[in-house]
PDB file of N, CA and C in Angstrom:
ATOM      1  N   MET A   1     -30.087  13.920  46.570  1.00  0.00           N
ATOM      2  CA  MET A   1     -30.365  13.552  45.278  1.00  0.00           C
ATOM      3  C   MET A   1     -29.456  14.245  44.254  1.00  0.00           C
ATOM      4  N   LYS A   2     -29.099  15.481  44.477  1.00  0.00           N
ATOM      5  CA  LYS A   2     -28.331  16.293  43.635  1.00  0.00           C
ATOM      6  C   LYS A   2     -26.864  15.757  43.689  1.00  0.00           C
ATOM      7  N   ASN A   3     -26.356  15.461  44.784  1.00  0.00           N
ATOM      8  CA  ASN A   3     -25.010  14.849  44.953  1.00  0.00           C
ATOM      9  C   ASN A   3     -24.837  13.421  44.298  1.00  0.00           C
ATOM     10  N   GLY A   4     -25.863  12.589  44.177  1.00  0.00           N
ATOM     11  CA  GLY A   4     -25.873  11.412  43.723  1.00  0.00           C
ATOM     12  C   GLY A   4     -25.912  11.457  42.028  1.00  0.00           C
ATOM     13  N   THR A   5     -26.704  12.436  41.503  1.00  0.00           N
ATOM     14  CA  THR A   5     -26.531  12.683  40.136  1.00  0.00           C
ATOM     15  C   THR A   5     -25.317  13.323  39.651  1.00  0.00           C
ATOM     16  N   THR A   6     -24.742  14.265  40.391  1.00  0.00           N
ATOM     17  CA  THR A   6     -23.553  14.777  40.048  1.00  0.00           C
ATOM     18  C   THR A   6     -22.326  13.706  39.962  1.00  0.00           C
ATOM     19  N   THR A   7     -22.445  12.775  40.975  1.00  0.00           N
ATOM     20  CA  THR A   7     -21.381  11.696  40.988  1.00  0.00           C
ATOM     21  C   THR A   7     -21.645  10.835  39.765  1.00  0.00           C
ATOM     22  N   ILE A   8     -22.815  10.301  39.555  1.00  0.00           N
ATOM     23  CA  ILE A   8     -23.062   9.617  38.299  1.00  0.00           C
ATOM     24  C   ILE A   8     -22.627  10.247  37.044  1.00  0.00           C
ATOM     25  N   LEU A   9     -22.926  11.542  36.960  1.00  0.00           N
ATOM     26  CA  LEU A   9     -22.491  12.249  35.631  1.00  0.00           C
ATOM     27  C   LEU A   9     -20.975  12.406  35.756  1.00  0.00           C
ATOM     28  N   ASN A  10     -20.279  12.679  36.822  1.00  0.00           N
ATOM     29  CA  ASN A  10     -18.846  12.512  36.795  1.00  0.00           C
ATOM     30  C   ASN A  10     -18.223  11.239  36.420  1.00  0.00           C
ATOM     31  N   VAL A  11     -18.842  10.212  36.804  1.00  0.00           N
ATOM     32  CA  VAL A  11     -18.412   8.790  36.519  1.00  0.00           C
ATOM     33  C   VAL A  11     -18.532   8.780  34.873  1.00  0.00           C
ATOM     34  N   VAL A  12     -19.679   8.950  34.430  1.00  0.00           N
ATOM     35  CA  VAL A  12     -19.917   9.019  32.706  1.00  0.00           C
ATOM     36  C   VAL A  12     -18.933   9.792  32.104  1.00  0.00           C
ATOM     37  N   LEU A  13     -18.741  10.998  32.555  1.00  0.00           N
ATOM     38  CA  LEU A  13     -17.748  11.882  32.034  1.00  0.00           C
ATOM     39  C   LEU A  13     -16.390  11.295  32.012  1.00  0.00           C
ATOM     40  N   GLY A  14     -16.032  10.744  33.152  1.00  0.00           N
ATOM     41  CA  GLY A  14     -14.541   9.953  33.152  1.00  0.00           C
ATOM     42  C   GLY A  14     -14.421   8.858  32.306  1.00  0.00           C
ATOM     43  N   ILE A  15     -15.514   8.094  32.191  1.00  0.00           N
ATOM     44  CA  ILE A  15     -15.436   6.905  31.129  1.00  0.00           C
ATOM     45  C   ILE A  15     -15.350   7.550  29.917  1.00  0.00           C
ATOM     46  N   CYS A  16     -16.167   8.693  29.457  1.00  0.00           N
ATOM     47  CA  CYS A  16     -16.036   9.055  28.147  1.00  0.00           C
ATOM     48  C   CYS A  16     -14.607   9.645  27.782  1.00  0.00           C
ATOM     49  N   LEU A  17     -14.157  10.296  28.775  1.00  0.00           N
ATOM     50  CA  LEU A  17     -12.778  10.795  28.726  1.00  0.00           C
ATOM     51  C   LEU A  17     -11.685   9.753  28.444  1.00  0.00           C
ATOM     52  N   VAL A  18     -11.731   8.744  29.137  1.00  0.00           N
ATOM     53  CA  VAL A  18     -10.832   7.461  28.966  1.00  0.00           C
ATOM     54  C   VAL A  18     -11.066   6.883  27.605  1.00  0.00           C
ATOM     55  N   LEU A  19     -12.219   6.747  27.206  1.00  0.00           N
ATOM     56  CA  LEU A  19     -12.516   6.194  25.955  1.00  0.00           C
ATOM     57  C   LEU A  19     -11.996   7.155  24.766  1.00  0.00           C
ATOM     58  N   ALA A  20     -12.143   8.439  25.010  1.00  0.00           N
ATOM     59  CA  ALA A  20     -11.681   9.303  23.891  1.00  0.00           C
ATOM     60  C   ALA A  20     -10.217   9.244  23.907  1.00  0.00           C
ATOM     61  N   ILE A  21      -9.520   9.113  24.891  1.00  0.00           N
ATOM     62  CA  ILE A  21      -8.043   9.151  24.910  1.00  0.00           C
ATOM     63  C   ILE A  21      -7.644   7.774  24.137  1.00  0.00           C
ATOM     64  N   ILE A  22      -8.199   6.568  24.606  1.00  0.00           N
ATOM     65  CA  ILE A  22      -8.010   5.253  23.771  1.00  0.00           C
ATOM     66  C   ILE A  22      -8.204   5.333  22.350  1.00  0.00           C
ATOM     67  N   PHE A  23      -9.357   5.929  22.006  1.00  0.00           N
ATOM     68  CA  PHE A  23      -9.641   6.143  20.536  1.00  0.00           C
ATOM     69  C   PHE A  23      -8.703   6.955  19.808  1.00  0.00           C
ATOM     70  N   PHE A  24      -8.291   7.991  20.419  1.00  0.00           N
ATOM     71  CA  PHE A  24      -7.201   8.982  19.791  1.00  0.00           C
ATOM     72  C   PHE A  24      -5.769   8.178  19.728  1.00  0.00           C
ATOM     73  N   LEU A  25      -5.455   7.480  20.702  1.00  0.00           N
ATOM     74  CA  LEU A  25      -4.146   6.811  20.545  1.00  0.00           C
ATOM     75  C   LEU A  25      -4.239   5.777  19.313  1.00  0.00           C
ATOM     76  N   GLN A  26      -5.463   4.997  19.326  1.00  0.00           N
ATOM     77  CA  GLN A  26      -5.642   3.963  18.333  1.00  0.00           C
ATOM     78  C   GLN A  26      -5.501   4.808  16.957  1.00  0.00           C
ATOM     79  N   THR A  27      -6.156   5.688  16.765  1.00  0.00           N
ATOM     80  CA  THR A  27      -6.077   6.628  15.482  1.00  0.00           C
ATOM     81  C   THR A  27      -4.717   7.085  15.194  1.00  0.00           C
ATOM     82  N   TYR A  28      -4.099   7.719  16.237  1.00  0.00           N
ATOM     83  CA  TYR A  28      -2.720   8.058  15.912  1.00  0.00           C
ATOM     84  C   TYR A  28      -1.669   6.979  15.470  1.00  0.00           C
ATOM     85  N   PHE A  29      -1.678   6.004  16.056  1.00  0.00           N
ATOM     86  CA  PHE A  29      -0.706   4.966  15.759  1.00  0.00           C
ATOM     87  C   PHE A  29      -1.215   4.196  14.463  1.00  0.00           C
ATOM     88  N   LEU A  30      -2.433   4.026  14.142  1.00  0.00           N
ATOM     89  CA  LEU A  30      -2.940   3.260  12.965  1.00  0.00           C
ATOM     90  C   LEU A  30      -2.516   4.399  11.685  1.00  0.00           C
ATOM     91  N   SER A  31      -2.642   5.628  11.944  1.00  0.00           N
ATOM     92  CA  SER A  31      -2.527   6.497  10.814  1.00  0.00           C
ATOM     93  C   SER A  31      -0.920   6.550  10.579  1.00  0.00           C
ATOM     94  N   ALA A  32      -0.058   6.508  11.543  1.00  0.00           N
ATOM     95  CA  ALA A  32       1.419   6.364  11.337  1.00  0.00           C
ATOM     96  C   ALA A  32       1.672   5.020  10.549  1.00  0.00           C
ATOM     97  N   GLU A  33       1.211   3.877  10.933  1.00  0.00           N
ATOM     98  CA  GLU A  33       1.232   2.832  10.092  1.00  0.00           C
ATOM     99  C   GLU A  33       0.827   2.886   8.813  1.00  0.00           C
ATOM    100  N   VAL A  34      -0.337   3.548   8.473  1.00  0.00           N
ATOM    101  CA  VAL A  34      -0.883   3.690   7.129  1.00  0.00           C
ATOM    102  C   VAL A  34       0.167   4.651   6.387  1.00  0.00           C
ATOM    103  N   ARG A  35       0.698   5.675   6.890  1.00  0.00           N
ATOM    104  CA  ARG A  35       1.658   6.455   6.191  1.00  0.00           C
ATOM    105  C   ARG A  35       2.968   5.669   5.930  1.00  0.00           C
ATOM    106  N   ALA A  36       3.390   4.820   6.724  1.00  0.00           N
ATOM    107  CA  ALA A  36       4.470   4.062   6.398  1.00  0.00           C
ATOM    108  C   ALA A  36       4.266   3.092   5.280  1.00  0.00           C
ATOM    109  N   LEU A  37       3.052   2.352   5.289  1.00  0.00           N
ATOM    110  CA  LEU A  37       2.828   1.466   4.279  1.00  0.00           C
ATOM    111  C   LEU A  37       2.470   2.237   2.825  1.00  0.00           C
ATOM    112  N   ASN A  38       1.895   3.466   2.915  1.00  0.00           N
ATOM    113  CA  ASN A  38       1.844   4.170   1.717  1.00  0.00           C
ATOM    114  C   ASN A  38       3.084   4.530   1.039  1.00  0.00           C
ATOM    115  N   GLY A  39       4.242   4.655   2.010  1.00  0.00           N
ATOM    116  CA  GLY A  39       5.443   4.934   1.332  1.00  0.00           C
ATOM    117  C   GLY A  39       6.168   3.567   0.713  1.00  0.00           C
ATOM    118  N   GLN A  40       5.839   2.495   1.291  1.00  0.00           N
ATOM    119  CA  GLN A  40       6.164   1.229   0.743  1.00  0.00           C
ATOM    120  C   GLN A  40       5.453   0.982  -0.619  1.00  0.00           C
ATOM    121  N   ILE A  41       4.158   1.365  -0.763  1.00  0.00           N
ATOM    122  CA  ILE A  41       3.448   1.112  -1.823  1.00  0.00           C
ATOM    123  C   ILE A  41       3.905   1.825  -2.987  1.00  0.00           C
ATOM    124  N   SER A  42       4.258   3.255  -2.742  1.00  0.00           N
ATOM    125  CA  SER A  42       4.846   4.168  -3.732  1.00  0.00           C
ATOM    126  C   SER A  42       6.041   3.495  -4.314  1.00  0.00           C
ATOM    127  N   GLY A  43       6.859   3.026  -3.533  1.00  0.00           N
ATOM    128  CA  GLY A  43       8.234   2.354  -3.939  1.00  0.00           C
ATOM    129  C   GLY A  43       7.929   1.130  -4.880  1.00  0.00           C
ATOM    130  N   ILE A  44       6.952   0.270  -4.579  1.00  0.00           N
ATOM    131  CA  ILE A  44       6.680  -0.832  -5.214  1.00  0.00           C
ATOM    132  C   ILE A  44       5.991  -0.589  -6.442  1.00  0.00           C
ATOM    133  N   ASN A  45       5.177   0.440  -6.585  1.00  0.00           N
ATOM    134  CA  ASN A  45       4.544   0.971  -7.819  1.00  0.00           C
ATOM    135  C   ASN A  45       5.721   1.543  -8.759  1.00  0.00           C
ATOM    136  N   GLY A  46       6.642   2.169  -8.207  1.00  0.00           N
ATOM    137  CA  GLY A  46       7.655   2.850  -9.121  1.00  0.00           C
ATOM    138  C   GLY A  46       8.460   1.452  -9.730  1.00  0.00           C
ATOM    139  N   TRP A  47       8.758   0.556  -8.893  1.00  0.00           N
ATOM    140  CA  TRP A  47       9.402  -0.622  -9.482  1.00  0.00           C
ATOM    141  C   TRP A  47       8.549  -1.377 -10.565  1.00  0.00           C
ATOM    142  N   ARG A  48       7.402  -1.406 -10.243  1.00  0.00           N
ATOM    143  CA  ARG A  48       6.640  -2.168 -11.256  1.00  0.00           C
ATOM    144  C   ARG A  48       6.485  -1.371 -12.596  1.00  0.00           C
ATOM    145  N   GLN A  49       6.455  -0.050 -12.547  1.00  0.00           N
ATOM    146  CA  GLN A  49       6.314   0.731 -13.777  1.00  0.00           C
ATOM    147  C   GLN A  49       7.547   0.659 -14.636  1.00  0.00           C
ATOM    148  N   ALA A  50       8.808   0.670 -13.831  1.00  0.00           N
ATOM    149  CA  ALA A  50      10.069   0.406 -14.436  1.00  0.00           C
ATOM    150  C   ALA A  50      10.223  -1.005 -15.025  1.00  0.00           C
ATOM    151  N   LEU A  51       9.755  -1.923 -14.309  1.00  0.00           N
ATOM    152  CA  LEU A  51       9.796  -3.333 -15.007  1.00  0.00           C
ATOM    153  C   LEU A  51       8.865  -3.466 -16.245  1.00  0.00           C
ATOM    154  N   GLN A  52       7.608  -2.695 -16.107  1.00  0.00           N
ATOM    155  CA  GLN A  52       6.780  -2.810 -17.269  1.00  0.00           C
ATOM    156  C   GLN A  52       7.338  -2.026 -18.585  1.00  0.00           C
ATOM    157  N   SER A  53       7.986  -1.063 -18.261  1.00  0.00           N
ATOM    158  CA  SER A  53       8.611  -0.170 -19.167  1.00  0.00           C
ATOM    159  C   SER A  53       9.683  -1.149 -19.957  1.00  0.00           C
ATOM    160  N   LEU A  54      10.468  -1.683 -19.146  1.00  0.00           N
ATOM    161  CA  LEU A  54      11.613  -2.537 -19.486  1.00  0.00           C
ATOM    162  C   LEU A  54      11.114  -3.635 -20.370  1.00  0.00           C
ATOM    163  N   ALA A  55      10.113  -4.270 -20.016  1.00  0.00           N
ATOM    164  CA  ALA A  55       9.399  -5.433 -20.754  1.00  0.00           C
ATOM    165  C   ALA A  55       8.724  -4.954 -22.028  1.00  0.00           C
ATOM    166  N   ALA A  56       8.119  -3.705 -22.204  1.00  0.00           N
ATOM    167  CA  ALA A  56       7.855  -3.177 -23.268  1.00  0.00           C
ATOM    168  C   ALA A  56       8.864  -2.787 -24.239  1.00  0.00           C
ATOM    169  N   ASP A  57       9.936  -2.208 -23.715  1.00  0.00           N
ATOM    170  CA  ASP A  57      11.087  -1.915 -24.609  1.00  0.00           C
ATOM    171  C   ASP A  57      11.757  -3.234 -25.199  1.00  0.00           C
ATOM    172  N   CYS A  58      11.852  -4.210 -24.357  1.00  0.00           N
ATOM    173  CA  CYS A  58      12.353  -5.416 -24.813  1.00  0.00           C
ATOM    174  C   CYS A  58      11.560  -5.958 -25.842  1.00  0.00           C
ATOM    175  N   ALA A  59      10.338  -5.970 -25.889  1.00  0.00           N
ATOM    176  CA  ALA A  59       9.258  -6.409 -26.840  1.00  0.00           C
ATOM    177  C   ALA A  59       9.495  -5.728 -28.159  1.00  0.00           C
ATOM    178  N   GLU A  60       9.594  -4.337 -27.923  1.00  0.00           N
ATOM    179  CA  GLU A  60       9.679  -3.511 -29.186  1.00  0.00           C
ATOM    180  C   GLU A  60      11.136  -3.790 -29.825  1.00  0.00           C
ATOM    181  N   TYR A  61      12.067  -3.959 -28.980  1.00  0.00           N
ATOM    182  CA  TYR A  61      13.380  -4.268 -29.592  1.00  0.00           C
ATOM    183  C   TYR A  61      13.392  -5.634 -30.367  1.00  0.00           C
ATOM    184  N   SER A  62      12.777  -6.437 -29.807  1.00  0.00           N
ATOM    185  CA  SER A  62      12.634  -7.851 -30.390  1.00  0.00           C
ATOM    186  C   SER A  62      12.069  -7.922 -31.828  1.00  0.00           C
ATOM    187  N   LYS A  63      11.148  -6.908 -31.939  1.00  0.00           N
ATOM    188  CA  LYS A  63      10.497  -6.657 -33.368  1.00  0.00           C
ATOM    189  C   LYS A  63      11.632  -6.317 -34.285  1.00  0.00           C
ATOM    190  N   LYS A  64      12.353  -5.478 -33.939  1.00  0.00           N
ATOM    191  CA  LYS A  64      13.545  -4.969 -34.877  1.00  0.00           C
ATOM    192  C   LYS A  64      14.656  -5.915 -35.033  1.00  0.00           C
ATOM    193  N   ASN A  65      15.074  -6.532 -33.958  1.00  0.00           N
ATOM    194  CA  ASN A  65      16.246  -7.434 -33.832  1.00  0.00           C
ATOM    195  C   ASN A  65      15.659  -8.793 -33.168  1.00  0.00           C
ATOM    196  N   PRO A  66      15.339  -9.685 -33.936  1.00  0.00           N
ATOM    197  CA  PRO A  66      14.840 -11.060 -33.368  1.00  0.00           C
ATOM    198  C   PRO A  66      15.828 -11.881 -32.871  1.00  0.00           C
ATOM    199  N   ALA A  67      17.126 -11.473 -32.974  1.00  0.00           N
ATOM    200  CA  ALA A  67      18.190 -12.098 -32.326  1.00  0.00           C
ATOM    201  C   ALA A  67      18.026 -12.318 -30.752  1.00  0.00           C
ATOM    202  N   ILE A  68      17.451 -11.239 -30.180  1.00  0.00           N
ATOM    203  CA  ILE A  68      17.324 -11.376 -28.730  1.00  0.00           C
ATOM    204  C   ILE A  68      16.122 -12.208 -28.345  1.00  0.00           C
ATOM    205  N   ASN A  69      15.388 -12.755 -29.152  1.00  0.00           N
ATOM    206  CA  ASN A  69      14.269 -13.660 -28.638  1.00  0.00           C
ATOM    207  C   ASN A  69      14.762 -14.886 -27.830  1.00  0.00           C
ATOM    208  N   PRO A  70      15.790 -15.727 -28.245  1.00  0.00           N
ATOM    209  CA  PRO A  70      16.210 -16.685 -27.330  1.00  0.00           C
ATOM    210  C   PRO A  70      16.549 -16.265 -25.850  1.00  0.00           C
ATOM    211  N   ILE A  71      17.081 -15.099 -25.744  1.00  0.00           N
ATOM    212  CA  ILE A  71      17.235 -14.523 -24.377  1.00  0.00           C
ATOM    213  C   ILE A  71      15.999 -14.160 -23.722  1.00  0.00           C
ATOM    214  N   LEU A  72      14.909 -13.708 -24.223  1.00  0.00           N
ATOM    215  CA  LEU A  72      13.723 -13.315 -23.814  1.00  0.00           C
ATOM    216  C   LEU A  72      12.677 -14.354 -23.561  1.00  0.00           C
ATOM    217  N   GLU A  73      12.768 -15.498 -24.396  1.00  0.00           N
ATOM    218  CA  GLU A  73      11.803 -16.477 -24.265  1.00  0.00           C
ATOM    219  C   GLU A  73      11.657 -16.966 -22.848  1.00  0.00           C
ATOM    220  N   PRO A  74      12.751 -17.311 -22.120  1.00  0.00           N
ATOM    221  CA  PRO A  74      12.523 -17.928 -20.745  1.00  0.00           C
ATOM    222  C   PRO A  74      11.828 -16.963 -19.835  1.00  0.00           C
ATOM    223  N   VAL A  75      12.043 -15.649 -20.043  1.00  0.00           N
ATOM    224  CA  VAL A  75      11.593 -14.743 -19.221  1.00  0.00           C
ATOM    225  C   VAL A  75      10.051 -14.384 -19.375  1.00  0.00           C
ATOM    226  N   ILE A  76       9.839 -14.071 -20.798  1.00  0.00           N
ATOM    227  CA  ILE A  76       8.411 -13.667 -21.086  1.00  0.00           C
ATOM    228  C   ILE A  76       7.643 -14.539 -21.940  1.00  0.00           C
ATOM    229  N   GLY A  77       8.340 -15.767 -22.214  1.00  0.00           N
ATOM    230  CA  GLY A  77       7.471 -16.658 -23.123  1.00  0.00           C
ATOM    231  C   GLY A  77       7.649 -16.451 -24.381  1.00  0.00           C
ATOM    232  N   LYS A  78       6.946 -17.288 -25.349  1.00  0.00           N
ATOM    233  CA  LYS A  78       6.932 -17.147 -26.721  1.00  0.00           C
ATOM    234  C   LYS A  78       6.580 -15.711 -27.179  1.00  0.00           C
ATOM    235  N   GLN A  79       7.264 -15.277 -28.145  1.00  0.00           N
ATOM    236  CA  GLN A  79       6.970 -13.956 -28.715  1.00  0.00           C
ATOM    237  C   GLN A  79       5.562 -14.181 -29.760  1.00  0.00           C
ATOM    238  N   PRO A  80       4.699 -13.082 -29.541  1.00  0.00           N
ATOM    239  CA  PRO A  80       3.652 -13.284 -30.566  1.00  0.00           C
ATOM    240  C   PRO A  80       4.172 -13.092 -31.932  1.00  0.00           C
ATOM    241  N   GLY A  81       3.495 -14.034 -32.931  1.00  0.00           N
ATOM    242  CA  GLY A  81       4.011 -13.786 -34.220  1.00  0.00           C
ATOM    243  C   GLY A  81       5.163 -14.787 -34.606  1.00  0.00           C
ATOM    244  N   THR A  82       5.815 -15.469 -33.642  1.00  0.00           N
ATOM    245  CA  THR A  82       6.700 -16.477 -33.934  1.00  0.00           C
ATOM    246  C   THR A  82       6.255 -17.864 -33.863  1.00  0.00           C
ATOM    247  N   LYS A  83       6.859 -18.727 -34.533  1.00  0.00           N
ATOM    248  CA  LYS A  83       6.388 -20.151 -34.511  1.00  0.00           C
ATOM    249  C   LYS A  83       7.117 -20.957 -33.653  1.00  0.00           C
TER     250      LYS A  83
END
């Protein structure tokens, strides 16, 4: 009886060990992918902030110098306050 119980427990331990290795490898590779995607997201957010700043600067400049409006209209549409 003791030999049969030991065998069953060893099989269960082996299955748990294999599953632990599989879960570790999944976590390792997925975390590497997440780190790579976070780098891409940071780059995209940087570009977005730069473009928003440029758009705000253009809108502010168009208030002082309306001659730029024909250039900006195709890109950002009708300027507020113009007819």
